[in-house]
Amino acid sequence: MHRYSLTSTSYSEAISQPQEIVALVCDQGSTFRSCFKKHKEATARLRSDQGRENDCTIHIAGKDLFLFHDPSHLLKGVRNNLLTKDIIYEGKKASWSDIFYIYDLDS
């Protein structure tokens, strides 16, 4: 059984419970990314067939669910990237040394 199928079955079982699930939270692991990429593609095809606009949800077991990456893993990913790389946004550079500088100002 593929991870996508196993995960889809697990979510289908969870969604069928009495609680109303409106969103899923996942980390940045490759299994989650791969699985949800397939769900997004399947949802996009379904929405296209229905003539609906894609609304950034994924469709599982008859329900539309929002998908979030958990903030602690996102912050950890930014930190890990800043340790080895600079971030350039709108022509301005941010680096790990900027974090130290702000920390020292606040101390």
PDB file of N, CA and C in Angstrom:
ATOM      1  N   MET A   1       0.850  -1.181   0.000  1.00  0.00           N
ATOM      2  CA  MET A   1       0.000   0.000   0.000  1.00  0.00           C
ATOM      3  C   MET A   1       0.892   1.241   0.000  1.00  0.00           C
ATOM      4  N   HIS A   2       0.585   2.196  -0.840  1.00  0.00           N
ATOM      5  CA  HIS A   2       1.360   3.431  -0.899  1.00  0.00           C
ATOM      6  C   HIS A   2       1.055   4.306   0.309  1.00  0.00           C
ATOM      7  N   ARG A   3       2.016   5.155   0.677  1.00  0.00           N
ATOM      8  CA  ARG A   3       1.801   6.075   1.802  1.00  0.00           C
ATOM      9  C   ARG A   3       0.580   6.948   1.558  1.00  0.00           C
ATOM     10  N   TYR A   4       0.404   7.389   0.296  1.00  0.00           N
ATOM     11  CA  TYR A   4      -0.741   8.239  -0.047  1.00  0.00           C
ATOM     12  C   TYR A   4      -2.045   7.526   0.282  1.00  0.00           C
ATOM     13  N   SER A   5      -2.149   6.253  -0.094  1.00  0.00           N
ATOM     14  CA  SER A   5      -3.371   5.486   0.163  1.00  0.00           C
ATOM     15  C   SER A   5      -3.575   5.268   1.655  1.00  0.00           C
ATOM     16  N   LEU A   6      -2.495   4.916   2.355  1.00  0.00           N
ATOM     17  CA  LEU A   6      -2.593   4.681   3.790  1.00  0.00           C
ATOM     18  C   LEU A   6      -3.013   5.954   4.511  1.00  0.00           C
ATOM     19  N   THR A   7      -2.389   7.078   4.151  1.00  0.00           N
ATOM     20  CA  THR A   7      -2.727   8.338   4.794  1.00  0.00           C
ATOM     21  C   THR A   7      -4.154   8.737   4.454  1.00  0.00           C
ATOM     22  N   SER A   8      -4.570   8.559   3.211  1.00  0.00           N
ATOM     23  CA  SER A   8      -5.941   8.893   2.809  1.00  0.00           C
ATOM     24  C   SER A   8      -6.938   8.077   3.620  1.00  0.00           C
ATOM     25  N   THR A   9      -6.639   6.778   3.811  1.00  0.00           N
ATOM     26  CA  THR A   9      -7.520   5.922   4.595  1.00  0.00           C
ATOM     27  C   THR A   9      -7.571   6.396   6.040  1.00  0.00           C
ATOM     28  N   SER A  10      -6.426   6.727   6.607  1.00  0.00           N
ATOM     29  CA  SER A  10      -6.376   7.205   7.994  1.00  0.00           C
ATOM     30  C   SER A  10      -7.207   8.470   8.162  1.00  0.00           C
ATOM     31  N   TYR A  11      -7.053   9.421   7.233  1.00  0.00           N
ATOM     32  CA  TYR A  11      -7.815  10.657   7.325  1.00  0.00           C
ATOM     33  C   TYR A  11      -9.298  10.403   7.120  1.00  0.00           C
ATOM     34  N   SER A  12      -9.628   9.508   6.197  1.00  0.00           N
ATOM     35  CA  SER A  12     -11.038   9.177   5.975  1.00  0.00           C
ATOM     36  C   SER A  12     -11.664   8.637   7.250  1.00  0.00           C
ATOM     37  N   GLU A  13     -10.936   7.787   7.955  1.00  0.00           N
ATOM     38  CA  GLU A  13     -11.443   7.237   9.213  1.00  0.00           C
ATOM     39  C   GLU A  13     -11.588   8.332  10.262  1.00  0.00           C
ATOM     40  N   ALA A  14     -10.621   9.226  10.350  1.00  0.00           N
ATOM     41  CA  ALA A  14     -10.682  10.315  11.333  1.00  0.00           C
ATOM     42  C   ALA A  14     -11.839  11.256  11.020  1.00  0.00           C
ATOM     43  N   ILE A  15     -12.022  11.557   9.743  1.00  0.00           N
ATOM     44  CA  ILE A  15     -13.071  12.490   9.331  1.00  0.00           C
ATOM     45  C   ILE A  15     -14.462  11.920   9.599  1.00  0.00           C
ATOM     46  N   SER A  16     -14.589  10.595   9.569  1.00  0.00           N
ATOM     47  CA  SER A  16     -15.905   9.983   9.767  1.00  0.00           C
ATOM     48  C   SER A  16     -16.333   9.984  11.239  1.00  0.00           C
ATOM     49  N   GLN A  17     -15.470  10.422  12.137  1.00  0.00           N
ATOM     50  CA  GLN A  17     -15.798  10.479  13.563  1.00  0.00           C
ATOM     51  C   GLN A  17     -16.762  11.641  13.832  1.00  0.00           C
ATOM     52  N   PRO A  18     -17.424  11.645  14.999  1.00  0.00           N
ATOM     53  CA  PRO A  18     -18.425  12.680  15.289  1.00  0.00           C
ATOM     54  C   PRO A  18     -17.872  14.111  15.348  1.00  0.00           C
ATOM     55  N   GLN A  19     -16.592  14.281  15.680  1.00  0.00           N
ATOM     56  CA  GLN A  19     -16.030  15.621  15.736  1.00  0.00           C
ATOM     57  C   GLN A  19     -15.920  16.169  14.313  1.00  0.00           C
ATOM     58  N   GLU A  20     -16.097  17.470  14.168  1.00  0.00           N
ATOM     59  CA  GLU A  20     -15.948  18.059  12.848  1.00  0.00           C
ATOM     60  C   GLU A  20     -14.516  18.529  12.657  1.00  0.00           C
ATOM     61  N   ILE A  21     -13.836  17.934  11.710  1.00  0.00           N
ATOM     62  CA  ILE A  21     -12.468  18.308  11.392  1.00  0.00           C
ATOM     63  C   ILE A  21     -12.514  19.304  10.239  1.00  0.00           C
ATOM     64  N   VAL A  22     -11.862  20.447  10.416  1.00  0.00           N
ATOM     65  CA  VAL A  22     -11.874  21.482   9.380  1.00  0.00           C
ATOM     66  C   VAL A  22     -10.485  21.753   8.816  1.00  0.00           C
ATOM     67  N   ALA A  23      -9.439  21.239   9.497  1.00  0.00           N
ATOM     68  CA  ALA A  23      -8.077  21.504   9.043  1.00  0.00           C
ATOM     69  C   ALA A  23      -7.152  20.385   9.497  1.00  0.00           C
ATOM     70  N   LEU A  24      -6.050  20.259   8.777  1.00  0.00           N
ATOM     71  CA  LEU A  24      -5.005  19.316   9.138  1.00  0.00           C
ATOM     72  C   LEU A  24      -3.720  20.104   9.339  1.00  0.00           C
ATOM     73  N   VAL A  25      -2.942  19.713  10.338  1.00  0.00           N
ATOM     74  CA  VAL A  25      -1.658  20.356  10.610  1.00  0.00           C
ATOM     75  C   VAL A  25      -0.579  19.302  10.407  1.00  0.00           C
ATOM     76  N   CYS A  26       0.460  19.670   9.671  1.00  0.00           N
ATOM     77  CA  CYS A  26       1.527  18.706   9.431  1.00  0.00           C
ATOM     78  C   CYS A  26       2.876  19.398   9.530  1.00  0.00           C
ATOM     79  N   ASP A  27       3.913  18.581   9.645  1.00  0.00           N
ATOM     80  CA  ASP A  27       5.257  19.140   9.634  1.00  0.00           C
ATOM     81  C   ASP A  27       5.747  19.193   8.191  1.00  0.00           C
ATOM     82  N   GLN A  28       7.012  19.466   7.998  1.00  0.00           N
ATOM     83  CA  GLN A  28       7.546  19.611   6.654  1.00  0.00           C
ATOM     84  C   GLN A  28       8.196  18.329   6.150  1.00  0.00           C
ATOM     85  N   GLY A  29       7.871  17.204   6.769  1.00  0.00           N
ATOM     86  CA  GLY A  29       8.468  15.934   6.374  1.00  0.00           C
ATOM     87  C   GLY A  29       8.115  15.553   4.945  1.00  0.00           C
ATOM     88  N   SER A  30       8.997  14.818   4.303  1.00  0.00           N
ATOM     89  CA  SER A  30       8.799  14.467   2.897  1.00  0.00           C
ATOM     90  C   SER A  30       7.561  13.598   2.695  1.00  0.00           C
ATOM     91  N   THR A  31       7.218  12.758   3.668  1.00  0.00           N
ATOM     92  CA  THR A  31       6.019  11.928   3.542  1.00  0.00           C
ATOM     93  C   THR A  31       4.777  12.801   3.476  1.00  0.00           C
ATOM     94  N   PHE A  32       4.680  13.781   4.369  1.00  0.00           N
ATOM     95  CA  PHE A  32       3.533  14.684   4.360  1.00  0.00           C
ATOM     96  C   PHE A  32       3.489  15.504   3.076  1.00  0.00           C
ATOM     97  N   ARG A  33       4.641  16.046   2.693  1.00  0.00           N
ATOM     98  CA  ARG A  33       4.679  16.881   1.491  1.00  0.00           C
ATOM     99  C   ARG A  33       4.240  16.095   0.266  1.00  0.00           C
ATOM    100  N   SER A  34       4.722  14.877   0.143  1.00  0.00           N
ATOM    101  CA  SER A  34       4.363  14.034  -0.995  1.00  0.00           C
ATOM    102  C   SER A  34       2.880  13.686  -0.975  1.00  0.00           C
ATOM    103  N   CYS A  35       2.391  13.294   0.169  1.00  0.00           N
ATOM    104  CA  CYS A  35       0.981  12.918   0.302  1.00  0.00           C
ATOM    105  C   CYS A  35       0.071  14.090  -0.025  1.00  0.00           C
ATOM    106  N   PHE A  36       0.346  15.248   0.561  1.00  0.00           N
ATOM    107  CA  PHE A  36      -0.545  16.376   0.370  1.00  0.00           C
ATOM    108  C   PHE A  36      -0.413  16.986  -1.016  1.00  0.00           C
ATOM    109  N   LYS A  37       0.723  16.799  -1.650  1.00  0.00           N
ATOM    110  CA  LYS A  37       0.860  17.228  -3.042  1.00  0.00           C
ATOM    111  C   LYS A  37      -0.123  16.437  -3.905  1.00  0.00           C
ATOM    112  N   LYS A  38      -0.208  15.129  -3.653  1.00  0.00           N
ATOM    113  CA  LYS A  38      -1.147  14.294  -4.409  1.00  0.00           C
ATOM    114  C   LYS A  38      -2.590  14.677  -4.098  1.00  0.00           C
ATOM    115  N   HIS A  39      -2.881  14.987  -2.839  1.00  0.00           N
ATOM    116  CA  HIS A  39      -4.236  15.423  -2.480  1.00  0.00           C
ATOM    117  C   HIS A  39      -4.576  16.743  -3.168  1.00  0.00           C
ATOM    118  N   LYS A  40      -3.622  17.674  -3.213  1.00  0.00           N
ATOM    119  CA  LYS A  40      -3.865  18.961  -3.873  1.00  0.00           C
ATOM    120  C   LYS A  40      -4.124  18.769  -5.357  1.00  0.00           C
ATOM    121  N   GLU A  41      -3.345  17.892  -5.997  1.00  0.00           N
ATOM    122  CA  GLU A  41      -3.534  17.631  -7.424  1.00  0.00           C
ATOM    123  C   GLU A  41      -4.898  16.996  -7.679  1.00  0.00           C
ATOM    124  N   ALA A  42      -5.273  16.014  -6.861  1.00  0.00           N
ATOM    125  CA  ALA A  42      -6.575  15.357  -7.017  1.00  0.00           C
ATOM    126  C   ALA A  42      -7.710  16.349  -6.782  1.00  0.00           C
ATOM    127  N   THR A  43      -7.544  17.214  -5.799  1.00  0.00           N
ATOM    128  CA  THR A  43      -8.567  18.228  -5.507  1.00  0.00           C
ATOM    129  C   THR A  43      -8.685  19.212  -6.659  1.00  0.00           C
ATOM    130  N   ALA A  44      -7.569  19.627  -7.231  1.00  0.00           N
ATOM    131  CA  ALA A  44      -7.592  20.564  -8.366  1.00  0.00           C
ATOM    132  C   ALA A  44      -8.340  19.946  -9.544  1.00  0.00           C
ATOM    133  N   ARG A  45      -8.109  18.655  -9.809  1.00  0.00           N
ATOM    134  CA  ARG A  45      -8.832  17.976 -10.904  1.00  0.00           C
ATOM    135  C   ARG A  45     -10.330  17.929 -10.605  1.00  0.00           C
ATOM    136  N   LEU A  46     -10.670  17.593  -9.357  1.00  0.00           N
ATOM    137  CA  LEU A  46     -12.081  17.525  -8.962  1.00  0.00           C
ATOM    138  C   LEU A  46     -12.750  18.882  -9.129  1.00  0.00           C
ATOM    139  N   ARG A  47     -12.095  19.943  -8.644  1.00  0.00           N
ATOM    140  CA  ARG A  47     -12.671  21.287  -8.754  1.00  0.00           C
ATOM    141  C   ARG A  47     -12.835  21.689 -10.220  1.00  0.00           C
ATOM    142  N   SER A  48     -11.870  21.329 -11.043  1.00  0.00           N
ATOM    143  CA  SER A  48     -11.943  21.647 -12.463  1.00  0.00           C
ATOM    144  C   SER A  48     -13.139  20.927 -13.098  1.00  0.00           C
ATOM    145  N   ASP A  49     -13.313  19.654 -12.759  1.00  0.00           N
ATOM    146  CA  ASP A  49     -14.450  18.883 -13.283  1.00  0.00           C
ATOM    147  C   ASP A  49     -15.779  19.455 -12.826  1.00  0.00           C
ATOM    148  N   GLN A  50     -15.814  20.000 -11.629  1.00  0.00           N
ATOM    149  CA  GLN A  50     -17.038  20.577 -11.069  1.00  0.00           C
ATOM    150  C   GLN A  50     -17.253  22.012 -11.517  1.00  0.00           C
ATOM    151  N   GLY A  51     -16.257  22.589 -12.205  1.00  0.00           N
ATOM    152  CA  GLY A  51     -16.349  23.993 -12.609  1.00  0.00           C
ATOM    153  C   GLY A  51     -16.194  24.946 -11.444  1.00  0.00           C
ATOM    154  N   ARG A  52     -15.561  24.472 -10.376  1.00  0.00           N
ATOM    155  CA  ARG A  52     -15.346  25.297  -9.188  1.00  0.00           C
ATOM    156  C   ARG A  52     -13.939  25.855  -9.193  1.00  0.00           C
ATOM    157  N   GLU A  53     -13.778  26.984  -8.545  1.00  0.00           N
ATOM    158  CA  GLU A  53     -12.457  27.579  -8.389  1.00  0.00           C
ATOM    159  C   GLU A  53     -11.728  26.873  -7.251  1.00  0.00           C
ATOM    160  N   ASN A  54     -10.418  26.704  -7.397  1.00  0.00           N
ATOM    161  CA  ASN A  54      -9.634  26.085  -6.334  1.00  0.00           C
ATOM    162  C   ASN A  54      -9.523  27.061  -5.168  1.00  0.00           C
ATOM    163  N   ASP A  55      -9.904  26.637  -3.978  1.00  0.00           N
ATOM    164  CA  ASP A  55      -9.956  27.530  -2.818  1.00  0.00           C
ATOM    165  C   ASP A  55      -8.895  27.212  -1.760  1.00  0.00           C
ATOM    166  N   CYS A  56      -7.832  26.556  -2.159  1.00  0.00           N
ATOM    167  CA  CYS A  56      -6.709  26.238  -1.260  1.00  0.00           C
ATOM    168  C   CYS A  56      -7.066  25.224  -0.178  1.00  0.00           C
ATOM    169  N   THR A  57      -8.098  24.440  -0.397  1.00  0.00           N
ATOM    170  CA  THR A  57      -8.390  23.338   0.515  1.00  0.00           C
ATOM    171  C   THR A  57      -8.066  22.040  -0.212  1.00  0.00           C
ATOM    172  N   ILE A  58      -8.015  20.942   0.552  1.00  0.00           N
ATOM    173  CA  ILE A  58      -7.884  19.628  -0.067  1.00  0.00           C
ATOM    174  C   ILE A  58      -9.165  18.858   0.228  1.00  0.00           C
ATOM    175  N   HIS A  59      -9.539  17.986  -0.683  1.00  0.00           N
ATOM    176  CA  HIS A  59     -10.788  17.241  -0.576  1.00  0.00           C
ATOM    177  C   HIS A  59     -10.465  15.806  -0.186  1.00  0.00           C
ATOM    178  N   ILE A  60     -10.929  15.389   0.988  1.00  0.00           N
ATOM    179  CA  ILE A  60     -10.720  14.020   1.462  1.00  0.00           C
ATOM    180  C   ILE A  60     -12.035  13.510   2.036  1.00  0.00           C
ATOM    181  N   ALA A  61     -12.428  12.341   1.594  1.00  0.00           N
ATOM    182  CA  ALA A  61     -13.617  11.658   2.130  1.00  0.00           C
ATOM    183  C   ALA A  61     -14.842  12.558   2.126  1.00  0.00           C
ATOM    184  N   GLY A  62     -15.019  13.319   1.046  1.00  0.00           N
ATOM    185  CA  GLY A  62     -16.203  14.151   0.903  1.00  0.00           C
ATOM    186  C   GLY A  62     -16.163  15.469   1.650  1.00  0.00           C
ATOM    187  N   LYS A  63     -15.028  15.798   2.247  1.00  0.00           N
ATOM    188  CA  LYS A  63     -14.910  17.055   2.995  1.00  0.00           C
ATOM    189  C   LYS A  63     -13.772  17.897   2.447  1.00  0.00           C
ATOM    190  N   ASP A  64     -13.950  19.210   2.505  1.00  0.00           N
ATOM    191  CA  ASP A  64     -12.896  20.149   2.141  1.00  0.00           C
ATOM    192  C   ASP A  64     -12.178  20.572   3.413  1.00  0.00           C
ATOM    193  N   LEU A  65     -10.871  20.363   3.439  1.00  0.00           N
ATOM    194  CA  LEU A  65     -10.082  20.644   4.631  1.00  0.00           C
ATOM    195  C   LEU A  65      -8.961  21.618   4.314  1.00  0.00           C
ATOM    196  N   PHE A  66      -8.688  22.511   5.248  1.00  0.00           N
ATOM    197  CA  PHE A  66      -7.540  23.400   5.123  1.00  0.00           C
ATOM    198  C   PHE A  66      -6.303  22.646   5.589  1.00  0.00           C
ATOM    199  N   LEU A  67      -5.165  22.981   5.038  1.00  0.00           N
ATOM    200  CA  LEU A  67      -3.912  22.337   5.393  1.00  0.00           C
ATOM    201  C   LEU A  67      -2.932  23.388   5.887  1.00  0.00           C
ATOM    202  N   PHE A  68      -2.375  23.168   7.070  1.00  0.00           N
ATOM    203  CA  PHE A  68      -1.421  24.092   7.669  1.00  0.00           C
ATOM    204  C   PHE A  68      -0.128  23.356   8.000  1.00  0.00           C
ATOM    205  N   HIS A  69       0.978  24.044   7.867  1.00  0.00           N
ATOM    206  CA  HIS A  69       2.248  23.540   8.389  1.00  0.00           C
ATOM    207  C   HIS A  69       2.401  24.125   9.784  1.00  0.00           C
ATOM    208  N   ASP A  70       2.861  23.320  10.727  1.00  0.00           N
ATOM    209  CA  ASP A  70       2.901  23.821  12.088  1.00  0.00           C
ATOM    210  C   ASP A  70       4.002  24.868  12.260  1.00  0.00           C
ATOM    211  N   PRO A  71       3.688  25.956  12.979  1.00  0.00           N
ATOM    212  CA  PRO A  71       4.596  27.103  13.102  1.00  0.00           C
ATOM    213  C   PRO A  71       5.969  26.776  13.673  1.00  0.00           C
ATOM    214  N   SER A  72       6.040  25.871  14.630  1.00  0.00           N
ATOM    215  CA  SER A  72       7.351  25.585  15.226  1.00  0.00           C
ATOM    216  C   SER A  72       8.307  24.993  14.197  1.00  0.00           C
ATOM    217  N   HIS A  73       7.809  24.133  13.312  1.00  0.00           N
ATOM    218  CA  HIS A  73       8.673  23.568  12.276  1.00  0.00           C
ATOM    219  C   HIS A  73       9.024  24.608  11.215  1.00  0.00           C
ATOM    220  N   LEU A  74       8.102  25.519  10.923  1.00  0.00           N
ATOM    221  CA  LEU A  74       8.409  26.583   9.961  1.00  0.00           C
ATOM    222  C   LEU A  74       9.512  27.494  10.505  1.00  0.00           C
ATOM    223  N   LEU A  75       9.400  27.866  11.782  1.00  0.00           N
ATOM    224  CA  LEU A  75      10.437  28.708  12.388  1.00  0.00           C
ATOM    225  C   LEU A  75      11.780  27.984  12.439  1.00  0.00           C
ATOM    226  N   LYS A  76      11.750  26.701  12.754  1.00  0.00           N
ATOM    227  CA  LYS A  76      12.977  25.914  12.781  1.00  0.00           C
ATOM    228  C   LYS A  76      13.608  25.872  11.385  1.00  0.00           C
ATOM    229  N   GLY A  77      12.778  25.738  10.353  1.00  0.00           N
ATOM    230  CA  GLY A  77      13.291  25.733   8.985  1.00  0.00           C
ATOM    231  C   GLY A  77      13.932  27.057   8.606  1.00  0.00           C
ATOM    232  N   VAL A  78      13.313  28.169   9.019  1.00  0.00           N
ATOM    233  CA  VAL A  78      13.895  29.492   8.750  1.00  0.00           C
ATOM    234  C   VAL A  78      15.229  29.617   9.482  1.00  0.00           C
ATOM    235  N   ARG A  79      15.251  29.204  10.742  1.00  0.00           N
ATOM    236  CA  ARG A  79      16.498  29.255  11.511  1.00  0.00           C
ATOM    237  C   ARG A  79      17.600  28.444  10.845  1.00  0.00           C
ATOM    238  N   ASN A  80      17.273  27.221  10.454  1.00  0.00           N
ATOM    239  CA  ASN A  80      18.280  26.360   9.836  1.00  0.00           C
ATOM    240  C   ASN A  80      18.801  26.957   8.529  1.00  0.00           C
ATOM    241  N   ASN A  81      17.925  27.581   7.754  1.00  0.00           N
ATOM    242  CA  ASN A  81      18.364  28.219   6.517  1.00  0.00           C
ATOM    243  C   ASN A  81      19.223  29.442   6.804  1.00  0.00           C
ATOM    244  N   LEU A  82      18.857  30.229   7.821  1.00  0.00           N
ATOM    245  CA  LEU A  82      19.646  31.414   8.151  1.00  0.00           C
ATOM    246  C   LEU A  82      21.038  31.063   8.672  1.00  0.00           C
ATOM    247  N   LEU A  83      21.183  29.887   9.235  1.00  0.00           N
ATOM    248  CA  LEU A  83      22.498  29.471   9.724  1.00  0.00           C
ATOM    249  C   LEU A  83      23.503  29.316   8.589  1.00  0.00           C
ATOM    250  N   THR A  84      23.007  28.968   7.416  1.00  0.00           N
ATOM    251  CA  THR A  84      23.922  28.688   6.296  1.00  0.00           C
ATOM    252  C   THR A  84      23.737  29.608   5.098  1.00  0.00           C
ATOM    253  N   LYS A  85      22.664  30.400   5.088  1.00  0.00           N
ATOM    254  CA  LYS A  85      22.358  31.231   3.926  1.00  0.00           C
ATOM    255  C   LYS A  85      21.823  32.585   4.377  1.00  0.00           C
ATOM    256  N   ASP A  86      21.857  33.540   3.475  1.00  0.00           N
ATOM    257  CA  ASP A  86      21.197  34.821   3.700  1.00  0.00           C
ATOM    258  C   ASP A  86      19.843  34.781   2.989  1.00  0.00           C
ATOM    259  N   ILE A  87      18.891  35.542   3.510  1.00  0.00           N
ATOM    260  CA  ILE A  87      17.594  35.682   2.861  1.00  0.00           C
ATOM    261  C   ILE A  87      17.559  37.066   2.226  1.00  0.00           C
ATOM    262  N   ILE A  88      17.202  37.111   0.971  1.00  0.00           N
ATOM    263  CA  ILE A  88      17.097  38.398   0.283  1.00  0.00           C
ATOM    264  C   ILE A  88      15.630  38.609  -0.081  1.00  0.00           C
ATOM    265  N   TYR A  89      15.070  39.700   0.398  1.00  0.00           N
ATOM    266  CA  TYR A  89      13.673  40.028   0.145  1.00  0.00           C
ATOM    267  C   TYR A  89      13.587  41.493  -0.235  1.00  0.00           C
ATOM    268  N   GLU A  90      13.003  41.747  -1.385  1.00  0.00           N
ATOM    269  CA  GLU A  90      12.860  43.107  -1.917  1.00  0.00           C
ATOM    270  C   GLU A  90      14.197  43.854  -1.876  1.00  0.00           C
ATOM    271  N   GLY A  91      15.258  43.141  -2.268  1.00  0.00           N
ATOM    272  CA  GLY A  91      16.574  43.757  -2.356  1.00  0.00           C
ATOM    273  C   GLY A  91      17.295  43.941  -1.037  1.00  0.00           C
ATOM    274  N   LYS A  92      16.681  43.515   0.073  1.00  0.00           N
ATOM    275  CA  LYS A  92      17.322  43.651   1.391  1.00  0.00           C
ATOM    276  C   LYS A  92      17.733  42.277   1.889  1.00  0.00           C
ATOM    277  N   LYS A  93      18.862  42.229   2.585  1.00  0.00           N
ATOM    278  CA  LYS A  93      19.427  40.969   3.041  1.00  0.00           C
ATOM    279  C   LYS A  93      19.229  40.797   4.543  1.00  0.00           C
ATOM    280  N   ALA A  94      18.861  39.591   4.936  1.00  0.00           N
ATOM    281  CA  ALA A  94      18.794  39.213   6.353  1.00  0.00           C
ATOM    282  C   ALA A  94      19.707  38.022   6.546  1.00  0.00           C
ATOM    283  N   SER A  95      20.435  38.023   7.657  1.00  0.00           N
ATOM    284  CA  SER A  95      21.341  36.912   7.943  1.00  0.00           C
ATOM    285  C   SER A  95      21.255  36.557   9.428  1.00  0.00           C
ATOM    286  N   TRP A  96      21.897  35.454   9.781  1.00  0.00           N
ATOM    287  CA  TRP A  96      21.878  35.000  11.167  1.00  0.00           C
ATOM    288  C   TRP A  96      22.494  36.044  12.095  1.00  0.00           C
ATOM    289  N   SER A  97      23.474  36.787  11.602  1.00  0.00           N
ATOM    290  CA  SER A  97      24.099  37.823  12.431  1.00  0.00           C
ATOM    291  C   SER A  97      23.095  38.923  12.789  1.00  0.00           C
ATOM    292  N   ASP A  98      22.092  39.140  11.952  1.00  0.00           N
ATOM    293  CA  ASP A  98      21.038  40.115  12.270  1.00  0.00           C
ATOM    294  C   ASP A  98      20.235  39.668  13.489  1.00  0.00           C
ATOM    295  N   ILE A  99      20.007  38.376  13.610  1.00  0.00           N
ATOM    296  CA  ILE A  99      19.288  37.842  14.770  1.00  0.00           C
ATOM    297  C   ILE A  99      20.092  38.123  16.043  1.00  0.00           C
ATOM    298  N   PHE A 100      21.400  37.869  16.005  1.00  0.00           N
ATOM    299  CA  PHE A 100      22.256  38.160  17.154  1.00  0.00           C
ATOM    300  C   PHE A 100      22.236  39.647  17.489  1.00  0.00           C
ATOM    301  N   TYR A 101      22.289  40.487  16.476  1.00  0.00           N
ATOM    302  CA  TYR A 101      22.295  41.929  16.687  1.00  0.00           C
ATOM    303  C   TYR A 101      20.997  42.378  17.396  1.00  0.00           C
ATOM    304  N   ILE A 102      19.862  41.889  16.933  1.00  0.00           N
ATOM    305  CA  ILE A 102      18.584  42.253  17.552  1.00  0.00           C
ATOM    306  C   ILE A 102      18.500  41.711  18.969  1.00  0.00           C
ATOM    307  N   TYR A 103      18.992  40.485  19.153  1.00  0.00           N
ATOM    308  CA  TYR A 103      19.000  39.886  20.493  1.00  0.00           C
ATOM    309  C   TYR A 103      19.835  40.746  21.454  1.00  0.00           C
ATOM    310  N   ASP A 104      21.019  41.153  21.000  1.00  0.00           N
ATOM    311  CA  ASP A 104      21.890  41.995  21.840  1.00  0.00           C
ATOM    312  C   ASP A 104      21.243  43.339  22.157  1.00  0.00           C
ATOM    313  N   LEU A 105      20.527  43.932  21.205  1.00  0.00           N
ATOM    314  CA  LEU A 105      19.830  45.187  21.461  1.00  0.00           C
ATOM    315  C   LEU A 105      18.759  45.034  22.516  1.00  0.00           C
ATOM    316  N   ASP A 106      18.098  43.876  22.500  1.00  0.00           N
ATOM    317  CA  ASP A 106      16.984  43.621  23.418  1.00  0.00           C
ATOM    318  C   ASP A 106      17.488  43.217  24.805  1.00  0.00           C
ATOM    319  N   SER A 107      18.726  42.774  24.927  1.00  0.00           N
ATOM    320  CA  SER A 107      19.243  42.268  26.222  1.00  0.00           C
ATOM    321  C   SER A 107      19.660  43.388  27.141  1.00  0.00           C
TER     322      SER A 107
END
